[in-house]
Amino acid sequence: ANNTAYLQMGSLKPEDTAVYYCAAGGNRLWIGYVDYWGQGTQ
């Protein structure tokens, strides 16, 4: 309804430090066939 996806992150570890990017695509998104990328958030 709000056209929003979320990533709830808990029990965060230092190794989770990264730039996180939202991505959209088809059924091969997981293996890197990305149609659209967000700008990233640290």
PDB file of all heavy atoms in Angstrom:
ATOM      1  N   ALA A   1       0.820  -1.204   0.000  1.00  0.00           N
ATOM      2  CA  ALA A   1       0.000   0.000   0.000  1.00  0.00           C
ATOM      3  C   ALA A   1       0.859   1.262   0.000  1.00  0.00           C
ATOM      4  O   ALA A   1       0.478   2.278  -0.580  1.00  0.00           O
ATOM      5  CB  ALA A   1      -0.945   0.000   1.198  1.00  0.00           C
ATOM      6  N   ASN A   2       2.008   1.196   0.644  1.00  0.00           N
ATOM      7  CA  ASN A   2       2.896   2.351   0.729  1.00  0.00           C
ATOM      8  C   ASN A   2       4.061   2.282  -0.247  1.00  0.00           C
ATOM      9  O   ASN A   2       4.952   3.129  -0.201  1.00  0.00           O
ATOM     10  CB  ASN A   2       3.423   2.503   2.154  1.00  0.00           C
ATOM     11  CG  ASN A   2       2.358   2.952   3.117  1.00  0.00           C
ATOM     12  OD1 ASN A   2       1.561   3.822   2.803  1.00  0.00           O
ATOM     13  ND2 ASN A   2       2.345   2.360   4.303  1.00  0.00           N
ATOM     14  N   ASN A   3       4.062   1.265  -1.105  1.00  0.00           N
ATOM     15  CA  ASN A   3       5.097   1.120  -2.128  1.00  0.00           C
ATOM     16  C   ASN A   3       6.497   1.165  -1.527  1.00  0.00           C
ATOM     17  O   ASN A   3       7.387   1.856  -2.035  1.00  0.00           O
ATOM     18  CB  ASN A   3       4.943   2.201  -3.202  1.00  0.00           C
ATOM     19  CG  ASN A   3       3.644   2.083  -3.952  1.00  0.00           C
ATOM     20  OD1 ASN A   3       3.309   1.007  -4.450  1.00  0.00           O
ATOM     21  ND2 ASN A   3       2.909   3.185  -4.054  1.00  0.00           N
ATOM     22  N   THR A   4       6.671   0.410  -0.472  1.00  0.00           N
ATOM     23  CA  THR A   4       7.930   0.442   0.255  1.00  0.00           C
ATOM     24  C   THR A   4       8.377  -0.955   0.642  1.00  0.00           C
ATOM     25  O   THR A   4       7.564  -1.769   1.085  1.00  0.00           O
ATOM     26  CB  THR A   4       7.805   1.304   1.518  1.00  0.00           C
ATOM     27  OG1 THR A   4       7.355   2.616   1.161  1.00  0.00           O
ATOM     28  CG2 THR A   4       9.148   1.421   2.230  1.00  0.00           C
ATOM     29  N   ALA A   5       9.657  -1.229   0.470  1.00  0.00           N
ATOM     30  CA  ALA A   5      10.274  -2.441   0.978  1.00  0.00           C
ATOM     31  C   ALA A   5      11.178  -2.075   2.139  1.00  0.00           C
ATOM     32  O   ALA A   5      11.721  -0.969   2.196  1.00  0.00           O
ATOM     33  CB  ALA A   5      11.071  -3.147  -0.115  1.00  0.00           C
ATOM     34  N   TYR A   6      11.351  -3.004   3.058  1.00  0.00           N
ATOM     35  CA  TYR A   6      12.129  -2.754   4.260  1.00  0.00           C
ATOM     36  C   TYR A   6      13.158  -3.845   4.473  1.00  0.00           C
ATOM     37  O   TYR A   6      12.976  -4.987   4.059  1.00  0.00           O
ATOM     38  CB  TYR A   6      11.235  -2.701   5.500  1.00  0.00           C
ATOM     39  CG  TYR A   6      10.151  -1.661   5.438  1.00  0.00           C
ATOM     40  CD1 TYR A   6       8.887  -1.988   4.970  1.00  0.00           C
ATOM     41  CD2 TYR A   6      10.385  -0.354   5.848  1.00  0.00           C
ATOM     42  CE1 TYR A   6       7.881  -1.038   4.909  1.00  0.00           C
ATOM     43  CE2 TYR A   6       9.391   0.602   5.790  1.00  0.00           C
ATOM     44  CZ  TYR A   6       8.142   0.258   5.323  1.00  0.00           C
ATOM     45  OH  TYR A   6       7.147   1.202   5.261  1.00  0.00           O
ATOM     46  N   LEU A   7      14.216  -3.480   5.134  1.00  0.00           N
ATOM     47  CA  LEU A   7      15.175  -4.448   5.630  1.00  0.00           C
ATOM     48  C   LEU A   7      15.384  -4.155   7.111  1.00  0.00           C
ATOM     49  O   LEU A   7      16.027  -3.161   7.467  1.00  0.00           O
ATOM     50  CB  LEU A   7      16.507  -4.378   4.878  1.00  0.00           C
ATOM     51  CG  LEU A   7      17.524  -5.447   5.277  1.00  0.00           C
ATOM     52  CD1 LEU A   7      17.042  -6.832   4.844  1.00  0.00           C
ATOM     53  CD2 LEU A   7      18.895  -5.148   4.672  1.00  0.00           C
ATOM     54  N   GLN A   8      14.801  -4.998   7.948  1.00  0.00           N
ATOM     55  CA  GLN A   8      14.972  -4.877   9.378  1.00  0.00           C
ATOM     56  C   GLN A   8      16.226  -5.646   9.770  1.00  0.00           C
ATOM     57  O   GLN A   8      16.319  -6.846   9.516  1.00  0.00           O
ATOM     58  CB  GLN A   8      13.753  -5.432  10.117  1.00  0.00           C
ATOM     59  CG  GLN A   8      12.472  -4.675   9.854  1.00  0.00           C
ATOM     60  CD  GLN A   8      11.270  -5.354  10.470  1.00  0.00           C
ATOM     61  OE1 GLN A   8      10.604  -6.165   9.820  1.00  0.00           O
ATOM     62  NE2 GLN A   8      10.987  -5.038  11.725  1.00  0.00           N
ATOM     63  N   MET A   9      17.152  -4.961  10.381  1.00  0.00           N
ATOM     64  CA  MET A   9      18.430  -5.547  10.741  1.00  0.00           C
ATOM     65  C   MET A   9      18.565  -5.542  12.254  1.00  0.00           C
ATOM     66  O   MET A   9      18.488  -4.486  12.884  1.00  0.00           O
ATOM     67  CB  MET A   9      19.578  -4.777  10.096  1.00  0.00           C
ATOM     68  CG  MET A   9      19.470  -4.675   8.578  1.00  0.00           C
ATOM     69  SD  MET A   9      20.877  -3.800   7.835  1.00  0.00           S
ATOM     70  CE  MET A   9      20.587  -2.148   8.480  1.00  0.00           C
ATOM     71  N   GLY A  10      18.771  -6.713  12.807  1.00  0.00           N
ATOM     72  CA  GLY A  10      18.956  -6.851  14.233  1.00  0.00           C
ATOM     73  C   GLY A  10      20.247  -7.578  14.543  1.00  0.00           C
ATOM     74  O   GLY A  10      20.865  -8.181  13.670  1.00  0.00           O
ATOM     75  N   SER A  11      20.639  -7.529  15.803  1.00  0.00           N
ATOM     76  CA  SER A  11      21.879  -8.168  16.249  1.00  0.00           C
ATOM     77  C   SER A  11      23.037  -7.815  15.329  1.00  0.00           C
ATOM     78  O   SER A  11      23.818  -8.672  14.912  1.00  0.00           O
ATOM     79  CB  SER A  11      21.702  -9.689  16.329  1.00  0.00           C
ATOM     80  OG  SER A  11      20.670 -10.037  17.222  1.00  0.00           O
ATOM     81  N   LEU A  12      23.154  -6.550  15.032  1.00  0.00           N
ATOM     82  CA  LEU A  12      24.143  -6.098  14.058  1.00  0.00           C
ATOM     83  C   LEU A  12      25.561  -6.349  14.545  1.00  0.00           C
ATOM     84  O   LEU A  12      25.860  -6.228  15.736  1.00  0.00           O
ATOM     85  CB  LEU A  12      23.941  -4.626  13.747  1.00  0.00           C
ATOM     86  CG  LEU A  12      22.752  -4.342  12.819  1.00  0.00           C
ATOM     87  CD1 LEU A  12      22.361  -2.873  12.888  1.00  0.00           C
ATOM     88  CD2 LEU A  12      23.101  -4.735  11.391  1.00  0.00           C
ATOM     89  N   LYS A  13      26.407  -6.694  13.609  1.00  0.00           N
ATOM     90  CA  LYS A  13      27.808  -6.981  13.858  1.00  0.00           C
ATOM     91  C   LYS A  13      28.669  -6.004  13.073  1.00  0.00           C
ATOM     92  O   LYS A  13      28.240  -5.485  12.047  1.00  0.00           O
ATOM     93  CB  LYS A  13      28.146  -8.412  13.426  1.00  0.00           C
ATOM     94  CG  LYS A  13      27.261  -9.490  14.027  1.00  0.00           C
ATOM     95  CD  LYS A  13      27.564 -10.844  13.404  1.00  0.00           C
ATOM     96  CE  LYS A  13      26.675 -11.929  13.962  1.00  0.00           C
ATOM     97  NZ  LYS A  13      26.956 -13.246  13.332  1.00  0.00           N
ATOM     98  N   PRO A  14      29.895  -5.766  13.525  1.00  0.00           N
ATOM     99  CA  PRO A  14      30.777  -4.886  12.761  1.00  0.00           C
ATOM    100  C   PRO A  14      30.938  -5.321  11.308  1.00  0.00           C
ATOM    101  O   PRO A  14      31.072  -4.467  10.425  1.00  0.00           O
ATOM    102  CB  PRO A  14      32.103  -4.981  13.525  1.00  0.00           C
ATOM    103  CG  PRO A  14      31.688  -5.237  14.930  1.00  0.00           C
ATOM    104  CD  PRO A  14      30.491  -6.158  14.815  1.00  0.00           C
ATOM    105  N   GLU A  15      30.905  -6.618  11.047  1.00  0.00           N
ATOM    106  CA  GLU A  15      31.050  -7.102   9.686  1.00  0.00           C
ATOM    107  C   GLU A  15      29.841  -6.808   8.805  1.00  0.00           C
ATOM    108  O   GLU A  15      29.876  -7.045   7.600  1.00  0.00           O
ATOM    109  CB  GLU A  15      31.373  -8.605   9.659  1.00  0.00           C
ATOM    110  CG  GLU A  15      30.440  -9.455  10.491  1.00  0.00           C
ATOM    111  CD  GLU A  15      31.003  -9.767  11.861  1.00  0.00           C
ATOM    112  OE1 GLU A  15      31.526  -8.836  12.517  1.00  0.00           O
ATOM    113  OE2 GLU A  15      30.934 -10.935  12.287  1.00  0.00           O
ATOM    114  N   ASP A  16      28.761  -6.305   9.403  1.00  0.00           N
ATOM    115  CA  ASP A  16      27.617  -5.858   8.620  1.00  0.00           C
ATOM    116  C   ASP A  16      27.830  -4.462   8.041  1.00  0.00           C
ATOM    117  O   ASP A  16      27.006  -3.997   7.248  1.00  0.00           O
ATOM    118  CB  ASP A  16      26.347  -5.857   9.474  1.00  0.00           C
ATOM    119  CG  ASP A  16      25.913  -7.246   9.894  1.00  0.00           C
ATOM    120  OD1 ASP A  16      25.977  -8.171   9.063  1.00  0.00           O
ATOM    121  OD2 ASP A  16      25.503  -7.405  11.060  1.00  0.00           O
ATOM    122  N   THR A  17      28.888  -3.803   8.453  1.00  0.00           N
ATOM    123  CA  THR A  17      29.185  -2.471   7.947  1.00  0.00           C
ATOM    124  C   THR A  17      29.368  -2.508   6.437  1.00  0.00           C
ATOM    125  O   THR A  17      30.183  -3.271   5.913  1.00  0.00           O
ATOM    126  CB  THR A  17      30.445  -1.913   8.611  1.00  0.00           C
ATOM    127  OG1 THR A  17      30.206  -1.738  10.011  1.00  0.00           O
ATOM    128  CG2 THR A  17      30.831  -0.567   8.005  1.00  0.00           C
ATOM    129  N   ALA A  18      28.604  -1.694   5.742  1.00  0.00           N
ATOM    130  CA  ALA A  18      28.643  -1.681   4.285  1.00  0.00           C
ATOM    131  C   ALA A  18      27.710  -0.591   3.778  1.00  0.00           C
ATOM    132  O   ALA A  18      26.923  -0.019   4.535  1.00  0.00           O
ATOM    133  CB  ALA A  18      28.205  -3.038   3.721  1.00  0.00           C
ATOM    134  N   VAL A  19      27.803  -0.335   2.494  1.00  0.00           N
ATOM    135  CA  VAL A  19      26.779   0.442   1.819  1.00  0.00           C
ATOM    136  C   VAL A  19      25.708  -0.533   1.360  1.00  0.00           C
ATOM    137  O   VAL A  19      26.015  -1.527   0.693  1.00  0.00           O
ATOM    138  CB  VAL A  19      27.341   1.226   0.619  1.00  0.00           C
ATOM    139  CG1 VAL A  19      26.223   1.969  -0.103  1.00  0.00           C
ATOM    140  CG2 VAL A  19      28.411   2.208   1.082  1.00  0.00           C
ATOM    141  N   TYR A  20      24.487  -0.264   1.726  1.00  0.00           N
ATOM    142  CA  TYR A  20      23.371  -1.130   1.381  1.00  0.00           C
ATOM    143  C   TYR A  20      22.580  -0.516   0.233  1.00  0.00           C
ATOM    144  O   TYR A  20      22.226   0.659   0.270  1.00  0.00           O
ATOM    145  CB  TYR A  20      22.463  -1.340   2.589  1.00  0.00           C
ATOM    146  CG  TYR A  20      23.043  -2.293   3.604  1.00  0.00           C
ATOM    147  CD1 TYR A  20      24.127  -1.918   4.387  1.00  0.00           C
ATOM    148  CD2 TYR A  20      22.521  -3.576   3.762  1.00  0.00           C
ATOM    149  CE1 TYR A  20      24.687  -2.790   5.302  1.00  0.00           C
ATOM    150  CE2 TYR A  20      23.067  -4.456   4.674  1.00  0.00           C
ATOM    151  CZ  TYR A  20      24.148  -4.060   5.446  1.00  0.00           C
ATOM    152  OH  TYR A  20      24.692  -4.939   6.357  1.00  0.00           O
ATOM    153  N   TYR A  21      22.308  -1.337  -0.765  1.00  0.00           N
ATOM    154  CA  TYR A  21      21.614  -0.894  -1.958  1.00  0.00           C
ATOM    155  C   TYR A  21      20.304  -1.645  -2.132  1.00  0.00           C
ATOM    156  O   TYR A  21      20.276  -2.873  -2.059  1.00  0.00           O
ATOM    157  CB  TYR A  21      22.459  -1.138  -3.209  1.00  0.00           C
ATOM    158  CG  TYR A  21      23.773  -0.393  -3.248  1.00  0.00           C
ATOM    159  CD1 TYR A  21      24.919  -0.954  -2.706  1.00  0.00           C
ATOM    160  CD2 TYR A  21      23.858   0.859  -3.839  1.00  0.00           C
ATOM    161  CE1 TYR A  21      26.131  -0.285  -2.746  1.00  0.00           C
ATOM    162  CE2 TYR A  21      25.060   1.533  -3.887  1.00  0.00           C
ATOM    163  CZ  TYR A  21      26.193   0.962  -3.343  1.00  0.00           C
ATOM    164  OH  TYR A  21      27.394   1.630  -3.390  1.00  0.00           O
ATOM    165  N   CYS A  22      19.258  -0.923  -2.376  1.00  0.00           N
ATOM    166  CA  CYS A  22      18.012  -1.527  -2.794  1.00  0.00           C
ATOM    167  C   CYS A  22      18.096  -1.830  -4.285  1.00  0.00           C
ATOM    168  O   CYS A  22      18.724  -1.085  -5.047  1.00  0.00           O
ATOM    169  CB  CYS A  22      16.845  -0.582  -2.505  1.00  0.00           C
ATOM    170  SG  CYS A  22      15.209  -1.276  -2.808  1.00  0.00           S
ATOM    171  N   ALA A  23      17.497  -2.929  -4.695  1.00  0.00           N
ATOM    172  CA  ALA A  23      17.546  -3.333  -6.089  1.00  0.00           C
ATOM    173  C   ALA A  23      16.213  -3.934  -6.503  1.00  0.00           C
ATOM    174  O   ALA A  23      15.493  -4.494  -5.682  1.00  0.00           O
ATOM    175  CB  ALA A  23      18.666  -4.354  -6.314  1.00  0.00           C
ATOM    176  N   ALA A  24      15.902  -3.823  -7.774  1.00  0.00           N
ATOM    177  CA  ALA A  24      14.665  -4.381  -8.302  1.00  0.00           C
ATOM    178  C   ALA A  24      14.943  -5.081  -9.618  1.00  0.00           C
ATOM    179  O   ALA A  24      15.775  -4.639 -10.415  1.00  0.00           O
ATOM    180  CB  ALA A  24      13.613  -3.293  -8.492  1.00  0.00           C
ATOM    181  N   GLY A  25      14.226  -6.170  -9.844  1.00  0.00           N
ATOM    182  CA  GLY A  25      14.395  -6.901 -11.077  1.00  0.00           C
ATOM    183  C   GLY A  25      13.459  -8.080 -11.168  1.00  0.00           C
ATOM    184  O   GLY A  25      12.445  -8.151 -10.474  1.00  0.00           O
ATOM    185  N   GLY A  26      13.810  -9.022 -12.042  1.00  0.00           N
ATOM    186  CA  GLY A  26      13.020 -10.221 -12.252  1.00  0.00           C
ATOM    187  C   GLY A  26      13.520 -11.382 -11.418  1.00  0.00           C
ATOM    188  O   GLY A  26      14.167 -11.205 -10.384  1.00  0.00           O
ATOM    189  N   ASN A  27      13.235 -12.583 -11.891  1.00  0.00           N
ATOM    190  CA  ASN A  27      13.531 -13.780 -11.105  1.00  0.00           C
ATOM    191  C   ASN A  27      15.006 -14.141 -11.033  1.00  0.00           C
ATOM    192  O   ASN A  27      15.363 -15.109 -10.362  1.00  0.00           O
ATOM    193  CB  ASN A  27      12.708 -14.970 -11.608  1.00  0.00           C
ATOM    194  CG  ASN A  27      13.024 -15.368 -13.036  1.00  0.00           C
ATOM    195  OD1 ASN A  27      13.809 -14.719 -13.716  1.00  0.00           O
ATOM    196  ND2 ASN A  27      12.403 -16.443 -13.493  1.00  0.00           N
ATOM    197  N   ARG A  28      15.856 -13.402 -11.700  1.00  0.00           N
ATOM    198  CA  ARG A  28      17.291 -13.621 -11.607  1.00  0.00           C
ATOM    199  C   ARG A  28      17.984 -12.486 -10.856  1.00  0.00           C
ATOM    200  O   ARG A  28      19.201 -12.296 -10.956  1.00  0.00           O
ATOM    201  CB  ARG A  28      17.893 -13.799 -12.996  1.00  0.00           C
ATOM    202  CG  ARG A  28      17.301 -14.993 -13.759  1.00  0.00           C
ATOM    203  CD  ARG A  28      17.934 -15.162 -15.124  1.00  0.00           C
ATOM    204  NE  ARG A  28      19.292 -15.688 -15.034  1.00  0.00           N
ATOM    205  CZ  ARG A  28      20.100 -15.847 -16.068  1.00  0.00           C
ATOM    206  NH1 ARG A  28      19.690 -15.521 -17.290  1.00  0.00           N
ATOM    207  NH2 ARG A  28      21.320 -16.335 -15.885  1.00  0.00           N
ATOM    208  N   LEU A  29      17.216 -11.750 -10.072  1.00  0.00           N
ATOM    209  CA  LEU A  29      17.777 -10.641  -9.309  1.00  0.00           C
ATOM    210  C   LEU A  29      18.903 -11.097  -8.394  1.00  0.00           C
ATOM    211  O   LEU A  29      19.942 -10.437  -8.290  1.00  0.00           O
ATOM    212  CB  LEU A  29      16.670  -9.975  -8.485  1.00  0.00           C
ATOM    213  CG  LEU A  29      17.101  -8.834  -7.558  1.00  0.00           C
ATOM    214  CD1 LEU A  29      17.524  -7.627  -8.385  1.00  0.00           C
ATOM    215  CD2 LEU A  29      15.965  -8.459  -6.615  1.00  0.00           C
ATOM    216  N   TRP A  30      18.713 -12.211  -7.727  1.00  0.00           N
ATOM    217  CA  TRP A  30      19.660 -12.682  -6.736  1.00  0.00           C
ATOM    218  C   TRP A  30      21.032 -12.942  -7.318  1.00  0.00           C
ATOM    219  O   TRP A  30      22.046 -12.774  -6.627  1.00  0.00           O
ATOM    220  CB  TRP A  30      19.132 -13.948  -6.063  1.00  0.00           C
ATOM    221  CG  TRP A  30      19.931 -14.373  -4.880  1.00  0.00           C
ATOM    222  CD1 TRP A  30      20.780 -15.428  -4.792  1.00  0.00           C
ATOM    223  CD2 TRP A  30      19.960 -13.733  -3.600  1.00  0.00           C
ATOM    224  NE1 TRP A  30      21.334 -15.498  -3.548  1.00  0.00           N
ATOM    225  CE2 TRP A  30      20.849 -14.476  -2.788  1.00  0.00           C
ATOM    226  CE3 TRP A  30      19.319 -12.614  -3.063  1.00  0.00           C
ATOM    227  CZ2 TRP A  30      21.117 -14.132  -1.475  1.00  0.00           C
ATOM    228  CZ3 TRP A  30      19.591 -12.266  -1.755  1.00  0.00           C
ATOM    229  CH2 TRP A  30      20.470 -13.021  -0.979  1.00  0.00           C
ATOM    230  N   ILE A  31      21.080 -13.355  -8.574  1.00  0.00           N
ATOM    231  CA  ILE A  31      22.357 -13.647  -9.191  1.00  0.00           C
ATOM    232  C   ILE A  31      22.892 -12.470  -9.996  1.00  0.00           C
ATOM    233  O   ILE A  31      23.809 -12.625 -10.798  1.00  0.00           O
ATOM    234  CB  ILE A  31      22.305 -14.918 -10.059  1.00  0.00           C
ATOM    235  CG1 ILE A  31      21.248 -14.809 -11.158  1.00  0.00           C
ATOM    236  CG2 ILE A  31      22.042 -16.139  -9.193  1.00  0.00           C
ATOM    237  CD1 ILE A  31      21.270 -15.963 -12.150  1.00  0.00           C
ATOM    238  N   GLY A  32      22.300 -11.300  -9.776  1.00  0.00           N
ATOM    239  CA  GLY A  32      22.890 -10.097 -10.307  1.00  0.00           C
ATOM    240  C   GLY A  32      22.225  -9.458 -11.497  1.00  0.00           C
ATOM    241  O   GLY A  32      22.751  -8.472 -12.026  1.00  0.00           O
ATOM    242  N   TYR A  33      21.094 -10.001 -11.923  1.00  0.00           N
ATOM    243  CA  TYR A  33      20.377  -9.383 -13.042  1.00  0.00           C
ATOM    244  C   TYR A  33      19.451  -8.315 -12.482  1.00  0.00           C
ATOM    245  O   TYR A  33      18.264  -8.526 -12.271  1.00  0.00           O
ATOM    246  CB  TYR A  33      19.610 -10.434 -13.836  1.00  0.00           C
ATOM    247  CG  TYR A  33      20.501 -11.284 -14.706  1.00  0.00           C
ATOM    248  CD1 TYR A  33      21.250 -12.322 -14.164  1.00  0.00           C
ATOM    249  CD2 TYR A  33      20.610 -11.041 -16.073  1.00  0.00           C
ATOM    250  CE1 TYR A  33      22.085 -13.090 -14.953  1.00  0.00           C
ATOM    251  CE2 TYR A  33      21.433 -11.819 -16.866  1.00  0.00           C
ATOM    252  CZ  TYR A  33      22.170 -12.843 -16.310  1.00  0.00           C
ATOM    253  OH  TYR A  33      22.985 -13.612 -17.109  1.00  0.00           O
ATOM    254  N   VAL A  34      20.034  -7.162 -12.239  1.00  0.00           N
ATOM    255  CA  VAL A  34      19.347  -6.056 -11.599  1.00  0.00           C
ATOM    256  C   VAL A  34      18.907  -5.044 -12.646  1.00  0.00           C
ATOM    257  O   VAL A  34      19.725  -4.574 -13.440  1.00  0.00           O
ATOM    258  CB  VAL A  34      20.243  -5.379 -10.556  1.00  0.00           C
ATOM    259  CG1 VAL A  34      19.537  -4.177  -9.947  1.00  0.00           C
ATOM    260  CG2 VAL A  34      20.646  -6.378  -9.479  1.00  0.00           C
ATOM    261  N   ASP A  35      17.631  -4.727 -12.635  1.00  0.00           N
ATOM    262  CA  ASP A  35      17.110  -3.731 -13.562  1.00  0.00           C
ATOM    263  C   ASP A  35      17.246  -2.314 -13.030  1.00  0.00           C
ATOM    264  O   ASP A  35      17.473  -1.379 -13.800  1.00  0.00           O
ATOM    265  CB  ASP A  35      15.639  -4.025 -13.878  1.00  0.00           C
ATOM    266  CG  ASP A  35      15.435  -5.314 -14.646  1.00  0.00           C
ATOM    267  OD1 ASP A  35      16.279  -5.628 -15.510  1.00  0.00           O
ATOM    268  OD2 ASP A  35      14.433  -6.005 -14.397  1.00  0.00           O
ATOM    269  N   TYR A  36      17.104  -2.163 -11.726  1.00  0.00           N
ATOM    270  CA  TYR A  36      17.153  -0.848 -11.112  1.00  0.00           C
ATOM    271  C   TYR A  36      17.898  -0.917  -9.789  1.00  0.00           C
ATOM    272  O   TYR A  36      17.722  -1.852  -9.016  1.00  0.00           O
ATOM    273  CB  TYR A  36      15.741  -0.293 -10.870  1.00  0.00           C
ATOM    274  CG  TYR A  36      14.889  -0.226 -12.109  1.00  0.00           C
ATOM    275  CD1 TYR A  36      13.995  -1.239 -12.416  1.00  0.00           C
ATOM    276  CD2 TYR A  36      14.985   0.856 -12.986  1.00  0.00           C
ATOM    277  CE1 TYR A  36      13.218  -1.190 -13.557  1.00  0.00           C
ATOM    278  CE2 TYR A  36      14.215   0.915 -14.133  1.00  0.00           C
ATOM    279  CZ  TYR A  36      13.329  -0.115 -14.410  1.00  0.00           C
ATOM    280  OH  TYR A  36      12.557  -0.057 -15.552  1.00  0.00           O
ATOM    281  N   TRP A  37      18.714   0.099  -9.550  1.00  0.00           N
ATOM    282  CA  TRP A  37      19.454   0.234  -8.295  1.00  0.00           C
ATOM    283  C   TRP A  37      19.064   1.510  -7.579  1.00  0.00           C
ATOM    284  O   TRP A  37      18.815   2.539  -8.213  1.00  0.00           O
ATOM    285  CB  TRP A  37      20.956   0.300  -8.555  1.00  0.00           C
ATOM    286  CG  TRP A  37      21.613  -0.965  -8.987  1.00  0.00           C
ATOM    287  CD1 TRP A  37      21.992  -1.304 -10.243  1.00  0.00           C
ATOM    288  CD2 TRP A  37      22.015  -2.047  -8.131  1.00  0.00           C
ATOM    289  NE1 TRP A  37      22.602  -2.537 -10.235  1.00  0.00           N
ATOM    290  CE2 TRP A  37      22.633  -3.018  -8.962  1.00  0.00           C
ATOM    291  CE3 TRP A  37      21.912  -2.288  -6.758  1.00  0.00           C
ATOM    292  CZ2 TRP A  37      23.146  -4.210  -8.453  1.00  0.00           C
ATOM    293  CZ3 TRP A  37      22.420  -3.474  -6.260  1.00  0.00           C
ATOM    294  CH2 TRP A  37      23.027  -4.419  -7.103  1.00  0.00           C
ATOM    295  N   GLY A  38      19.044   1.437  -6.269  1.00  0.00           N
ATOM    296  CA  GLY A  38      18.958   2.637  -5.469  1.00  0.00           C
ATOM    297  C   GLY A  38      20.330   3.265  -5.336  1.00  0.00           C
ATOM    298  O   GLY A  38      21.333   2.732  -5.813  1.00  0.00           O
ATOM    299  N   GLN A  39      20.385   4.403  -4.685  1.00  0.00           N
ATOM    300  CA  GLN A  39      21.643   5.146  -4.585  1.00  0.00           C
ATOM    301  C   GLN A  39      22.560   4.623  -3.489  1.00  0.00           C
ATOM    302  O   GLN A  39      23.744   4.957  -3.465  1.00  0.00           O
ATOM    303  CB  GLN A  39      21.351   6.633  -4.347  1.00  0.00           C
ATOM    304  CG  GLN A  39      21.012   7.020  -2.914  1.00  0.00           C
ATOM    305  CD  GLN A  39      19.596   6.655  -2.502  1.00  0.00           C
ATOM    306  OE1 GLN A  39      18.822   6.103  -3.281  1.00  0.00           O
ATOM    307  NE2 GLN A  39      19.253   6.977  -1.256  1.00  0.00           N
ATOM    308  N   GLY A  40      22.038   3.810  -2.600  1.00  0.00           N
ATOM    309  CA  GLY A  40      22.817   3.263  -1.513  1.00  0.00           C
ATOM    310  C   GLY A  40      22.707   4.082  -0.246  1.00  0.00           C
ATOM    311  O   GLY A  40      22.554   5.298  -0.281  1.00  0.00           O
ATOM    312  N   THR A  41      22.787   3.405   0.881  1.00  0.00           N
ATOM    313  CA  THR A  41      22.789   4.061   2.174  1.00  0.00           C
ATOM    314  C   THR A  41      23.805   3.376   3.076  1.00  0.00           C
ATOM    315  O   THR A  41      23.899   2.151   3.117  1.00  0.00           O
ATOM    316  CB  THR A  41      21.377   4.054   2.806  1.00  0.00           C
ATOM    317  OG1 THR A  41      21.370   4.827   4.003  1.00  0.00           O
ATOM    318  CG2 THR A  41      20.897   2.641   3.111  1.00  0.00           C
ATOM    319  N   GLN A  42      24.590   4.164   3.771  1.00  0.00           N
ATOM    320  CA  GLN A  42      25.682   3.644   4.582  1.00  0.00           C
ATOM    321  C   GLN A  42      25.180   3.124   5.919  1.00  0.00           C
ATOM    322  O   GLN A  42      24.428   3.806   6.623  1.00  0.00           O
ATOM    323  CB  GLN A  42      26.735   4.729   4.823  1.00  0.00           C
ATOM    324  CG  GLN A  42      27.883   4.311   5.738  1.00  0.00           C
ATOM    325  CD  GLN A  42      28.811   3.316   5.088  1.00  0.00           C
ATOM    326  OE1 GLN A  42      29.207   3.489   3.927  1.00  0.00           O
ATOM    327  NE2 GLN A  42      29.163   2.261   5.811  1.00  0.00           N
TER     328      GLN A  42
END
